[in-house]
N, C-alpha and C. Protein backbone atom coordinates (compact mmCIF):
# COMPACT_ATOMS: atom_id res chain seq x y z
N MET A 1 36.05 24.78 -10.91
CA MET A 1 35.10 23.80 -11.41
C MET A 1 33.68 24.32 -11.19
N GLU A 2 32.96 24.43 -12.27
CA GLU A 2 31.58 24.93 -12.21
C GLU A 2 30.61 23.77 -11.99
N ILE A 3 29.47 24.12 -11.41
CA ILE A 3 28.41 23.14 -11.20
C ILE A 3 27.72 22.89 -12.53
N ASN A 4 27.58 21.64 -12.90
CA ASN A 4 26.89 21.30 -14.14
C ASN A 4 25.39 21.22 -13.82
N TRP A 5 24.67 22.29 -14.13
CA TRP A 5 23.26 22.40 -13.77
C TRP A 5 22.39 21.39 -14.51
N LEU A 6 22.80 21.01 -15.70
CA LEU A 6 22.01 20.04 -16.46
C LEU A 6 22.00 18.68 -15.75
N ILE A 7 23.15 18.22 -15.33
CA ILE A 7 23.24 16.93 -14.63
C ILE A 7 22.54 17.01 -13.28
N LEU A 8 22.75 18.10 -12.56
CA LEU A 8 22.13 18.27 -11.26
C LEU A 8 20.61 18.29 -11.36
N SER A 9 20.08 19.00 -12.35
CA SER A 9 18.61 19.05 -12.51
C SER A 9 18.06 17.70 -12.95
N ALA A 10 18.80 16.96 -13.78
CA ALA A 10 18.34 15.64 -14.20
C ALA A 10 18.28 14.69 -12.99
N ILE A 11 19.26 14.80 -12.11
CA ILE A 11 19.25 13.95 -10.91
C ILE A 11 18.08 14.30 -10.01
N VAL A 12 17.81 15.60 -9.82
CA VAL A 12 16.70 16.03 -8.97
C VAL A 12 15.37 15.56 -9.54
N VAL A 13 15.20 15.70 -10.86
CA VAL A 13 13.96 15.25 -11.49
C VAL A 13 13.83 13.73 -11.36
N GLY A 14 14.92 13.01 -11.55
CA GLY A 14 14.89 11.54 -11.42
C GLY A 14 14.52 11.10 -10.02
N VAL A 15 15.08 11.77 -9.01
CA VAL A 15 14.76 11.43 -7.62
C VAL A 15 13.29 11.74 -7.32
N ALA A 16 12.79 12.87 -7.82
CA ALA A 16 11.38 13.23 -7.60
C ALA A 16 10.46 12.20 -8.23
N LEU A 17 10.78 11.75 -9.45
CA LEU A 17 9.96 10.74 -10.11
C LEU A 17 10.01 9.41 -9.36
N LEU A 18 11.17 9.06 -8.86
CA LEU A 18 11.31 7.81 -8.09
C LEU A 18 10.47 7.86 -6.81
N VAL A 19 10.51 8.97 -6.11
CA VAL A 19 9.73 9.12 -4.87
C VAL A 19 8.24 9.04 -5.20
N TYR A 20 7.81 9.72 -6.27
CA TYR A 20 6.40 9.68 -6.67
C TYR A 20 5.98 8.24 -7.00
N PHE A 21 6.80 7.53 -7.76
CA PHE A 21 6.47 6.16 -8.13
C PHE A 21 6.38 5.27 -6.90
N LEU A 22 7.32 5.41 -5.97
CA LEU A 22 7.31 4.56 -4.77
C LEU A 22 6.11 4.84 -3.89
N ILE A 23 5.71 6.10 -3.74
CA ILE A 23 4.53 6.44 -2.94
C ILE A 23 3.28 5.86 -3.58
N ARG A 24 3.16 6.01 -4.91
CA ARG A 24 1.99 5.48 -5.61
C ARG A 24 1.93 3.96 -5.49
N GLN A 25 3.05 3.28 -5.65
CA GLN A 25 3.09 1.83 -5.56
C GLN A 25 2.76 1.37 -4.14
N ASN A 26 3.20 2.12 -3.14
CA ASN A 26 2.91 1.78 -1.75
C ASN A 26 1.41 1.84 -1.48
N LYS A 27 0.73 2.86 -2.02
CA LYS A 27 -0.71 2.96 -1.83
C LYS A 27 -1.44 1.79 -2.48
N ILE A 28 -1.00 1.40 -3.69
CA ILE A 28 -1.62 0.28 -4.39
C ILE A 28 -1.41 -1.01 -3.59
N ASP A 29 -0.18 -1.23 -3.12
CA ASP A 29 0.11 -2.44 -2.35
C ASP A 29 -0.66 -2.47 -1.04
N ARG A 30 -0.81 -1.31 -0.40
CA ARG A 30 -1.55 -1.26 0.86
C ARG A 30 -3.00 -1.64 0.63
N LYS A 31 -3.62 -1.17 -0.47
CA LYS A 31 -5.01 -1.54 -0.78
C LYS A 31 -5.14 -3.04 -0.98
N LYS A 32 -4.20 -3.62 -1.74
CA LYS A 32 -4.25 -5.06 -2.00
C LYS A 32 -4.13 -5.86 -0.72
N ILE A 33 -3.21 -5.47 0.15
CA ILE A 33 -3.02 -6.20 1.40
C ILE A 33 -4.25 -6.07 2.29
N GLU A 34 -4.83 -4.87 2.38
CA GLU A 34 -6.03 -4.68 3.20
C GLU A 34 -7.18 -5.53 2.68
N GLU A 35 -7.33 -5.61 1.35
CA GLU A 35 -8.39 -6.44 0.79
C GLU A 35 -8.15 -7.91 1.10
N GLU A 36 -6.90 -8.36 1.03
CA GLU A 36 -6.61 -9.76 1.33
C GLU A 36 -6.85 -10.07 2.81
N LEU A 37 -6.47 -9.15 3.68
CA LEU A 37 -6.63 -9.40 5.11
C LEU A 37 -8.09 -9.31 5.55
N ASN A 38 -8.88 -8.49 4.88
CA ASN A 38 -10.28 -8.33 5.25
C ASN A 38 -11.18 -9.38 4.60
N TYR A 39 -10.65 -10.11 3.64
CA TYR A 39 -11.45 -11.11 2.94
C TYR A 39 -11.70 -12.30 3.86
N SER A 40 -12.95 -12.66 3.98
CA SER A 40 -13.28 -13.88 4.72
C SER A 40 -14.39 -14.59 3.95
N GLU A 41 -14.16 -15.84 3.68
CA GLU A 41 -15.11 -16.62 2.92
C GLU A 41 -16.32 -16.94 3.80
N GLU A 42 -17.50 -16.87 3.21
CA GLU A 42 -18.71 -17.20 3.95
C GLU A 42 -18.64 -18.68 4.32
N SER A 43 -18.81 -18.96 5.58
CA SER A 43 -18.75 -20.35 6.01
C SER A 43 -20.07 -20.75 6.66
N GLU A 44 -20.22 -22.02 6.85
CA GLU A 44 -21.44 -22.54 7.44
C GLU A 44 -21.23 -22.85 8.91
N GLU A 45 -20.38 -22.10 9.56
CA GLU A 45 -20.13 -22.33 10.97
C GLU A 45 -21.34 -21.88 11.78
N VAL A 46 -21.66 -22.65 12.78
CA VAL A 46 -22.79 -22.36 13.64
C VAL A 46 -22.24 -21.99 15.01
N GLU A 47 -22.84 -21.00 15.62
CA GLU A 47 -22.38 -20.61 16.95
C GLU A 47 -22.70 -21.73 17.93
N ILE A 48 -21.71 -22.09 18.71
CA ILE A 48 -21.85 -23.22 19.62
C ILE A 48 -22.78 -22.88 20.78
N ASN A 49 -22.61 -21.70 21.34
CA ASN A 49 -23.39 -21.32 22.51
C ASN A 49 -24.57 -20.48 22.08
N ASN A 50 -25.73 -21.07 22.03
CA ASN A 50 -26.95 -20.36 21.63
C ASN A 50 -27.80 -19.99 22.84
N ASP A 51 -27.20 -19.93 24.00
CA ASP A 51 -27.91 -19.62 25.24
C ASP A 51 -28.36 -18.16 25.20
N LEU A 52 -29.64 -17.91 25.36
CA LEU A 52 -30.17 -16.55 25.33
C LEU A 52 -30.11 -15.86 26.68
N ASN A 53 -29.74 -16.58 27.74
CA ASN A 53 -29.72 -16.02 29.08
C ASN A 53 -28.36 -15.38 29.44
N LEU A 54 -27.51 -15.13 28.46
CA LEU A 54 -26.20 -14.56 28.75
C LEU A 54 -26.27 -13.09 29.01
């Protein structure tokens, strides 16, 4: 039984494309999550302790 190089190469190329897609998607998702976690709405909160002698 001989190795079918066409099928083997198609599988290797498919796996390489899948890995590339997953890495790219992971970077995009990481950026989105970092932006969501770093987002803070400007609020009108006032600092309670305004003592300058600290």
